[in-house]
Amino acid sequence: MLDIFISNLSDVSIAVGLFVASYIANMCFSIYYNTKILQQEFDKQKIINSVLKMIAMSVGLVALTTVITFLPNYLTMIGLEISPEFTESFNIIAIVSLFIGGVYKYIKEAFKTFQQILNPTEPVSPSEDELTDI
C-alpha cells in the first residue's frame, strides 16, 4: 500500500508541476497583456490572489489524490472486494483526470493571451468576459 501511495505521489508531483507551469505561463502572459496592451493598472493584489489560488489548488489536488489512493483499500477493508487491476486502473485514471482539466484550462488561456499579445488590437475597455484570468 505504501508503495502505491509513494508511486501516486510521484506521479502527482509531475502533474502538479505541469499544472503550476501552465498557470504561471498564463499569469505571465496576462500581466503583460493587461498592463501593456489593455493599458490596465498593475494590481499587486491580483498576483497575490493568483499565487494563493495556485497553492490552494495544488495542495487540494494532492490531498484529493491521497484520498483516491486509499479509497480502494478502505473499500476492501470494510468488505467490498476490489480487484488489484481495478485499483491500479482507478488510481491512474482518477489522478490523471484531476489534473487534465486544470492544465488544459490554463494552457488554453495562456495560448489565447499569447496570440493576443502577438496580434494586438487597439486598446479598448474590455468587457468582463474578455479579461484574461490571472
Protein backbone atom coordinates (compact mmCIF):
# COMPACT_ATOMS: atom_id res chain seq x y z
CA MET A 1 0.00 0.00 0.00
CA LEU A 2 2.79 2.39 0.87
CA ASP A 3 4.45 1.63 -2.47
CA ILE A 4 1.26 2.60 -4.34
CA PHE A 5 0.96 5.78 -2.28
CA ILE A 6 4.57 6.81 -2.97
CA SER A 7 4.16 6.00 -6.67
CA ASN A 8 0.96 8.06 -6.84
CA LEU A 9 2.61 10.99 -5.06
CA SER A 10 5.48 10.79 -7.54
CA ASP A 11 3.01 10.88 -10.45
CA VAL A 12 1.12 13.72 -8.80
CA SER A 13 4.29 15.77 -8.32
CA ILE A 14 4.83 15.70 -12.08
CA ALA A 15 1.18 16.60 -12.69
CA VAL A 16 1.36 19.44 -10.14
CA GLY A 17 4.48 20.70 -11.91
CA LEU A 18 2.63 20.73 -15.24
CA PHE A 19 -0.33 22.49 -13.64
CA VAL A 20 1.86 25.11 -11.95
CA ALA A 21 3.86 25.71 -15.16
CA SER A 22 0.69 26.22 -17.22
CA TYR A 23 -0.76 28.50 -14.54
CA ILE A 24 2.43 30.60 -14.34
CA ALA A 25 2.57 30.86 -18.15
CA ASN A 26 -0.99 32.18 -18.15
CA MET A 27 -0.17 34.64 -15.35
CA CYS A 28 2.90 36.00 -17.16
CA PHE A 29 1.10 36.49 -20.46
CA SER A 30 -1.90 38.01 -18.69
CA ILE A 31 0.20 40.52 -16.76
CA TYR A 32 1.79 41.80 -19.96
CA TYR A 33 -1.45 41.75 -21.93
CA ASN A 34 -3.49 43.51 -19.26
CA THR A 35 -0.91 46.18 -18.40
CA LYS A 36 0.69 46.93 -21.76
CA ILE A 37 -1.97 46.17 -24.35
CA LEU A 38 -5.20 46.86 -22.45
CA GLN A 39 -3.48 49.68 -20.52
CA GLN A 40 -4.85 48.47 -17.19
CA GLU A 41 -3.20 49.49 -13.95
CA PHE A 42 -0.89 46.85 -12.42
CA ASP A 43 -2.62 45.27 -9.44
CA LYS A 44 -0.31 43.53 -6.99
CA GLN A 45 -3.31 42.04 -5.17
CA LYS A 46 -4.32 40.12 -8.33
CA ILE A 47 -0.88 38.49 -8.37
CA ILE A 48 -1.10 37.59 -4.68
CA ASN A 49 -4.59 36.14 -5.18
CA SER A 50 -3.41 34.13 -8.19
CA VAL A 51 -0.45 32.68 -6.28
CA LEU A 52 -2.72 31.80 -3.34
CA LYS A 53 -5.19 30.15 -5.74
CA MET A 54 -2.39 28.15 -7.38
CA ILE A 55 -1.08 26.96 -3.99
CA ALA A 56 -4.56 26.10 -2.67
CA MET A 57 -5.43 24.16 -5.81
CA SER A 58 -2.12 22.26 -5.79
CA VAL A 59 -2.41 21.29 -2.11
CA GLY A 60 -6.07 20.37 -2.58
CA LEU A 61 -5.27 18.18 -5.58
CA VAL A 62 -2.52 16.40 -3.64
CA ALA A 63 -4.97 15.81 -0.76
CA LEU A 64 -7.59 14.52 -3.18
CA THR A 65 -5.01 12.20 -4.72
CA THR A 66 -4.28 10.83 -1.26
CA VAL A 67 -7.98 10.04 -0.80
CA ILE A 68 -8.16 8.41 -4.23
CA THR A 69 -5.14 6.26 -3.40
CA PHE A 70 -6.53 4.98 -0.11
CA LEU A 71 -10.21 4.68 -1.13
CA PRO A 72 -10.00 1.26 -2.86
CA ASN A 73 -8.11 -0.18 0.13
CA TYR A 74 -10.67 1.24 2.52
CA LEU A 75 -13.48 -0.31 0.50
CA THR A 76 -11.70 -3.67 0.62
CA MET A 77 -11.15 -3.26 4.36
CA ILE A 78 -14.90 -2.78 5.00
CA GLY A 79 -15.79 -5.82 2.94
CA LEU A 80 -16.18 -4.67 -0.66
CA GLU A 81 -13.79 -6.85 -2.59
CA ILE A 82 -11.98 -4.89 -5.33
CA SER A 83 -9.52 -6.49 -7.72
CA PRO A 84 -5.94 -5.17 -7.77
CA GLU A 85 -6.26 -4.49 -11.52
CA PHE A 86 -9.27 -2.23 -10.90
CA THR A 87 -7.46 -0.45 -8.05
CA GLU A 88 -4.43 0.26 -10.26
CA SER A 89 -6.57 1.46 -13.18
CA PHE A 90 -8.76 3.52 -10.86
CA ASN A 91 -5.72 5.26 -9.33
CA ILE A 92 -4.21 6.14 -12.69
CA ILE A 93 -7.45 7.33 -14.30
CA ALA A 94 -8.58 9.33 -11.26
CA ILE A 95 -5.24 11.05 -10.74
CA VAL A 96 -4.75 11.94 -14.40
CA SER A 97 -8.32 13.21 -14.75
CA LEU A 98 -7.87 15.52 -11.75
CA PHE A 99 -5.08 17.44 -13.44
CA ILE A 100 -6.02 17.28 -17.11
CA GLY A 101 -8.86 19.80 -16.73
CA GLY A 102 -6.77 22.39 -14.88
CA VAL A 103 -3.71 22.03 -17.10
CA TYR A 104 -5.83 22.21 -20.25
CA LYS A 105 -7.70 25.31 -19.00
CA TYR A 106 -4.54 27.28 -18.26
CA ILE A 107 -2.69 26.14 -21.39
CA LYS A 108 -5.70 27.25 -23.46
CA GLU A 109 -5.89 30.63 -21.70
CA ALA A 110 -2.12 31.15 -21.93
CA PHE A 111 -2.16 30.33 -25.66
CA LYS A 112 -5.10 32.68 -26.28
CA THR A 113 -3.38 35.51 -24.40
CA PHE A 114 -0.10 34.82 -26.20
CA GLN A 115 -1.90 35.14 -29.54
CA GLN A 116 -3.48 38.41 -28.38
CA ILE A 117 -0.03 39.73 -27.47
CA LEU A 118 1.35 38.80 -30.89
CA ASN A 119 -1.66 40.25 -32.72
CA PRO A 120 -2.86 43.12 -30.56
CA THR A 121 -5.78 45.29 -31.46
CA GLU A 122 -6.18 48.85 -30.29
CA PRO A 123 -6.65 49.03 -26.52
CA VAL A 124 -10.31 49.21 -25.66
CA SER A 125 -12.20 48.91 -22.45
CA PRO A 126 -12.78 45.16 -22.37
CA SER A 127 -15.98 43.58 -21.17
CA GLU A 128 -15.77 41.41 -18.06
CA ASP A 129 -15.67 38.15 -20.02
CA GLU A 130 -12.82 39.39 -22.25
CA LEU A 131 -10.45 39.89 -19.31
CA THR A 132 -7.84 37.21 -19.05
CA ASP A 133 -7.88 35.29 -15.77
CA ILE A 134 -4.70 35.68 -13.74
